[in-house]
Amino acid sequence: MISVFPLLLVFVIFYFLLIRPQQRRMKQHQAMVQAVKKNDVAVTAGGVIGKVTKVDEHEIEMEIAQGVRVKVVKGTLSEVRPHGAKPAND
């Protein structure tokens, strides 16, 4: 029994330091993706920034330049800025 205790302790520490925070980030990302709506500014994982023009179940359509629209999978969004939000000072 004593030899099992350190292994169990390592698992508990591993859970609280790695698994639980990752699950929290996944839930936040899913909530962000579900909340995206028309006129939001979205950033994809590839760094493409555009204005959301259409929202479907699994895809969104973004206008990345005047008259240039692309379809992207919702899961690839890394950030959604609400309509009217001020841009960050980079």
N, C-alpha and C. Protein backbone atom coordinates (compact mmCIF):
# COMPACT_ATOMS: atom_id res chain seq x y z
N MET A 1 0.82 -1.20 0.00
CA MET A 1 0.00 0.00 0.00
C MET A 1 0.86 1.26 0.00
N ILE A 2 1.97 1.22 0.69
CA ILE A 2 2.83 2.39 0.79
C ILE A 2 3.45 2.72 -0.58
N SER A 3 3.74 1.74 -1.39
CA SER A 3 4.35 2.01 -2.70
C SER A 3 3.34 2.59 -3.69
N VAL A 4 2.06 2.44 -3.44
CA VAL A 4 1.02 2.97 -4.31
C VAL A 4 0.75 4.44 -4.00
N PHE A 5 0.97 4.85 -2.79
CA PHE A 5 0.68 6.23 -2.37
C PHE A 5 1.44 7.28 -3.19
N PRO A 6 2.75 7.15 -3.41
CA PRO A 6 3.44 8.17 -4.23
C PRO A 6 2.89 8.24 -5.66
N LEU A 7 2.55 7.11 -6.23
CA LEU A 7 1.99 7.09 -7.57
C LEU A 7 0.64 7.81 -7.61
N LEU A 8 -0.17 7.57 -6.62
CA LEU A 8 -1.47 8.23 -6.52
C LEU A 8 -1.29 9.74 -6.32
N LEU A 9 -0.34 10.12 -5.51
CA LEU A 9 -0.05 11.53 -5.27
C LEU A 9 0.40 12.22 -6.56
N VAL A 10 1.25 11.58 -7.33
CA VAL A 10 1.71 12.14 -8.60
C VAL A 10 0.52 12.31 -9.56
N PHE A 11 -0.37 11.35 -9.60
CA PHE A 11 -1.54 11.45 -10.46
C PHE A 11 -2.43 12.62 -10.06
N VAL A 12 -2.66 12.80 -8.77
CA VAL A 12 -3.49 13.91 -8.29
C VAL A 12 -2.86 15.25 -8.65
N ILE A 13 -1.56 15.38 -8.45
CA ILE A 13 -0.86 16.61 -8.80
C ILE A 13 -0.94 16.84 -10.31
N PHE A 14 -0.72 15.81 -11.08
CA PHE A 14 -0.80 15.89 -12.54
C PHE A 14 -2.18 16.36 -12.98
N TYR A 15 -3.22 15.83 -12.35
CA TYR A 15 -4.59 16.21 -12.69
C TYR A 15 -4.82 17.70 -12.45
N PHE A 16 -4.44 18.19 -11.28
CA PHE A 16 -4.72 19.59 -10.94
C PHE A 16 -3.82 20.58 -11.68
N LEU A 17 -2.65 20.17 -12.10
CA LEU A 17 -1.74 21.09 -12.79
C LEU A 17 -1.91 21.06 -14.31
N LEU A 18 -2.34 19.95 -14.88
CA LEU A 18 -2.40 19.84 -16.33
C LEU A 18 -3.80 19.57 -16.88
N ILE A 19 -4.44 18.55 -16.40
CA ILE A 19 -5.71 18.11 -17.00
C ILE A 19 -6.83 19.11 -16.74
N ARG A 20 -7.00 19.52 -15.51
CA ARG A 20 -8.11 20.41 -15.16
C ARG A 20 -8.02 21.78 -15.85
N PRO A 21 -6.85 22.43 -15.87
CA PRO A 21 -6.76 23.70 -16.60
C PRO A 21 -7.05 23.55 -18.10
N GLN A 22 -6.61 22.44 -18.69
CA GLN A 22 -6.88 22.21 -20.11
C GLN A 22 -8.37 22.05 -20.36
N GLN A 23 -9.07 21.36 -19.48
CA GLN A 23 -10.52 21.21 -19.63
C GLN A 23 -11.21 22.56 -19.53
N ARG A 24 -10.74 23.41 -18.64
CA ARG A 24 -11.31 24.75 -18.48
C ARG A 24 -11.10 25.58 -19.75
N ARG A 25 -9.90 25.50 -20.33
CA ARG A 25 -9.63 26.23 -21.57
C ARG A 25 -10.51 25.73 -22.71
N MET A 26 -10.72 24.42 -22.77
CA MET A 26 -11.58 23.85 -23.82
C MET A 26 -13.02 24.35 -23.69
N LYS A 27 -13.53 24.41 -22.46
CA LYS A 27 -14.89 24.91 -22.24
C LYS A 27 -15.01 26.37 -22.63
N GLN A 28 -13.99 27.18 -22.30
CA GLN A 28 -14.00 28.59 -22.67
C GLN A 28 -13.98 28.75 -24.19
N HIS A 29 -13.18 27.93 -24.86
CA HIS A 29 -13.09 28.01 -26.32
C HIS A 29 -14.42 27.61 -26.95
N GLN A 30 -15.04 26.54 -26.45
CA GLN A 30 -16.33 26.11 -26.98
C GLN A 30 -17.39 27.19 -26.78
N ALA A 31 -17.39 27.84 -25.62
CA ALA A 31 -18.35 28.91 -25.36
C ALA A 31 -18.12 30.08 -26.31
N MET A 32 -16.85 30.41 -26.56
CA MET A 32 -16.52 31.50 -27.47
C MET A 32 -17.01 31.18 -28.88
N VAL A 33 -16.77 29.96 -29.33
CA VAL A 33 -17.16 29.55 -30.68
C VAL A 33 -18.69 29.56 -30.81
N GLN A 34 -19.39 29.11 -29.80
CA GLN A 34 -20.86 29.09 -29.86
C GLN A 34 -21.45 30.50 -29.83
N ALA A 35 -20.73 31.46 -29.24
CA ALA A 35 -21.25 32.81 -29.09
C ALA A 35 -20.95 33.72 -30.28
N VAL A 36 -20.17 33.25 -31.24
CA VAL A 36 -19.81 34.10 -32.38
C VAL A 36 -21.06 34.45 -33.17
N LYS A 37 -21.14 35.72 -33.59
CA LYS A 37 -22.32 36.17 -34.33
C LYS A 37 -21.91 37.14 -35.42
N LYS A 38 -22.83 37.47 -36.26
CA LYS A 38 -22.59 38.35 -37.39
C LYS A 38 -22.05 39.70 -36.90
N ASN A 39 -21.11 40.25 -37.64
CA ASN A 39 -20.44 41.54 -37.38
C ASN A 39 -19.36 41.47 -36.31
N ASP A 40 -19.13 40.32 -35.69
CA ASP A 40 -17.99 40.17 -34.79
C ASP A 40 -16.72 40.14 -35.63
N VAL A 41 -15.62 40.52 -35.03
CA VAL A 41 -14.32 40.40 -35.69
C VAL A 41 -13.68 39.14 -35.12
N ALA A 42 -13.30 38.23 -36.00
CA ALA A 42 -12.75 36.94 -35.58
C ALA A 42 -11.33 36.78 -36.08
N VAL A 43 -10.53 36.07 -35.28
CA VAL A 43 -9.16 35.75 -35.64
C VAL A 43 -9.04 34.23 -35.69
N THR A 44 -8.54 33.70 -36.80
CA THR A 44 -8.37 32.26 -36.91
C THR A 44 -7.03 31.84 -36.33
N ALA A 45 -6.85 30.54 -36.17
CA ALA A 45 -5.58 30.02 -35.66
C ALA A 45 -4.44 30.33 -36.61
N GLY A 46 -4.74 30.51 -37.88
CA GLY A 46 -3.71 30.86 -38.87
C GLY A 46 -3.39 32.34 -38.91
N GLY A 47 -4.10 33.14 -38.11
CA GLY A 47 -3.82 34.56 -38.04
C GLY A 47 -4.65 35.42 -38.97
N VAL A 48 -5.62 34.84 -39.64
CA VAL A 48 -6.48 35.61 -40.54
C VAL A 48 -7.51 36.36 -39.70
N ILE A 49 -7.62 37.66 -39.93
CA ILE A 49 -8.56 38.50 -39.19
C ILE A 49 -9.63 38.98 -40.16
N GLY A 50 -10.88 38.84 -39.75
CA GLY A 50 -11.96 39.28 -40.62
C GLY A 50 -13.24 39.52 -39.87
N LYS A 51 -14.18 40.13 -40.55
CA LYS A 51 -15.49 40.42 -39.99
C LYS A 51 -16.44 39.28 -40.35
N VAL A 52 -17.14 38.75 -39.37
CA VAL A 52 -18.06 37.64 -39.59
C VAL A 52 -19.28 38.15 -40.34
N THR A 53 -19.58 37.52 -41.47
CA THR A 53 -20.74 37.92 -42.27
C THR A 53 -21.85 36.88 -42.25
N LYS A 54 -21.52 35.64 -41.91
CA LYS A 54 -22.53 34.57 -41.90
C LYS A 54 -22.08 33.50 -40.92
N VAL A 55 -23.02 32.97 -40.15
CA VAL A 55 -22.71 31.92 -39.18
C VAL A 55 -23.57 30.71 -39.48
N ASP A 56 -22.92 29.56 -39.71
CA ASP A 56 -23.60 28.28 -39.89
C ASP A 56 -23.30 27.42 -38.67
N GLU A 57 -23.76 26.18 -38.72
CA GLU A 57 -23.56 25.29 -37.58
C GLU A 57 -22.09 24.99 -37.32
N HIS A 58 -21.32 24.68 -38.37
CA HIS A 58 -19.92 24.30 -38.20
C HIS A 58 -18.95 25.26 -38.86
N GLU A 59 -19.45 26.20 -39.64
CA GLU A 59 -18.59 27.12 -40.38
C GLU A 59 -19.06 28.55 -40.19
N ILE A 60 -18.14 29.47 -40.44
CA ILE A 60 -18.51 30.88 -40.52
C ILE A 60 -17.94 31.44 -41.82
N GLU A 61 -18.55 32.49 -42.29
CA GLU A 61 -18.03 33.19 -43.46
C GLU A 61 -17.49 34.53 -42.95
N MET A 62 -16.26 34.84 -43.35
CA MET A 62 -15.61 36.07 -42.91
C MET A 62 -15.24 36.92 -44.12
N GLU A 63 -15.38 38.22 -43.96
CA GLU A 63 -14.91 39.15 -44.98
C GLU A 63 -13.55 39.66 -44.52
N ILE A 64 -12.50 39.29 -45.27
CA ILE A 64 -11.14 39.64 -44.87
C ILE A 64 -10.64 40.89 -45.59
N ALA A 65 -11.30 41.28 -46.65
CA ALA A 65 -11.04 42.53 -47.37
C ALA A 65 -12.34 42.87 -48.09
N GLN A 66 -12.45 44.07 -48.57
CA GLN A 66 -13.70 44.46 -49.22
C GLN A 66 -13.96 43.56 -50.42
N GLY A 67 -15.07 42.83 -50.35
CA GLY A 67 -15.46 41.93 -51.44
C GLY A 67 -14.79 40.57 -51.41
N VAL A 68 -13.94 40.30 -50.42
CA VAL A 68 -13.24 39.01 -50.32
C VAL A 68 -13.78 38.28 -49.10
N ARG A 69 -14.48 37.18 -49.35
CA ARG A 69 -15.06 36.39 -48.26
C ARG A 69 -14.49 34.98 -48.28
N VAL A 70 -14.23 34.47 -47.09
CA VAL A 70 -13.71 33.11 -46.95
C VAL A 70 -14.57 32.37 -45.94
N LYS A 71 -14.66 31.06 -46.12
CA LYS A 71 -15.34 30.20 -45.15
C LYS A 71 -14.28 29.52 -44.31
N VAL A 72 -14.51 29.51 -43.00
CA VAL A 72 -13.59 28.83 -42.09
C VAL A 72 -14.40 27.97 -41.12
N VAL A 73 -13.77 26.93 -40.64
CA VAL A 73 -14.39 26.06 -39.65
C VAL A 73 -14.39 26.78 -38.31
N LYS A 74 -15.50 26.75 -37.60
CA LYS A 74 -15.62 27.46 -36.33
C LYS A 74 -14.53 27.07 -35.33
N GLY A 75 -14.16 25.82 -35.32
CA GLY A 75 -13.17 25.33 -34.36
C GLY A 75 -11.79 25.94 -34.52
N THR A 76 -11.53 26.56 -35.68
CA THR A 76 -10.21 27.16 -35.90
C THR A 76 -10.11 28.58 -35.37
N LEU A 77 -11.19 29.11 -34.82
CA LEU A 77 -11.14 30.46 -34.28
C LEU A 77 -10.31 30.48 -33.01
N SER A 78 -9.44 31.47 -32.91
CA SER A 78 -8.63 31.61 -31.70
C SER A 78 -9.07 32.79 -30.86
N GLU A 79 -9.79 33.73 -31.47
CA GLU A 79 -10.26 34.90 -30.74
C GLU A 79 -11.46 35.48 -31.45
N VAL A 80 -12.41 35.99 -30.68
CA VAL A 80 -13.57 36.68 -31.23
C VAL A 80 -13.68 38.01 -30.50
N ARG A 81 -13.69 39.07 -31.30
CA ARG A 81 -13.83 40.41 -30.73
C ARG A 81 -15.24 40.90 -31.07
N PRO A 82 -16.01 41.29 -30.07
CA PRO A 82 -17.38 41.75 -30.34
C PRO A 82 -17.39 42.97 -31.25
N HIS A 83 -18.49 43.14 -31.96
CA HIS A 83 -18.65 44.28 -32.87
C HIS A 83 -18.49 45.57 -32.06
N GLY A 84 -17.66 46.45 -32.54
CA GLY A 84 -17.44 47.73 -31.88
C GLY A 84 -16.33 47.73 -30.85
N ALA A 85 -15.69 46.59 -30.63
CA ALA A 85 -14.58 46.54 -29.66
C ALA A 85 -13.38 47.27 -30.23
N LYS A 86 -12.67 47.95 -29.36
CA LYS A 86 -11.49 48.69 -29.80
C LYS A 86 -10.33 47.73 -30.00
N PRO A 87 -9.53 47.91 -31.06
CA PRO A 87 -8.39 47.02 -31.29
C PRO A 87 -7.31 47.22 -30.23
N ALA A 88 -6.60 46.15 -29.95
CA ALA A 88 -5.51 46.21 -28.97
C ALA A 88 -4.33 46.97 -29.56
N ASN A 89 -3.57 47.62 -28.72
CA ASN A 89 -2.35 48.30 -29.17
C ASN A 89 -1.23 47.29 -29.25
N ASP A 90 -0.91 46.86 -30.46
CA ASP A 90 0.13 45.84 -30.63
C ASP A 90 1.48 46.47 -30.74
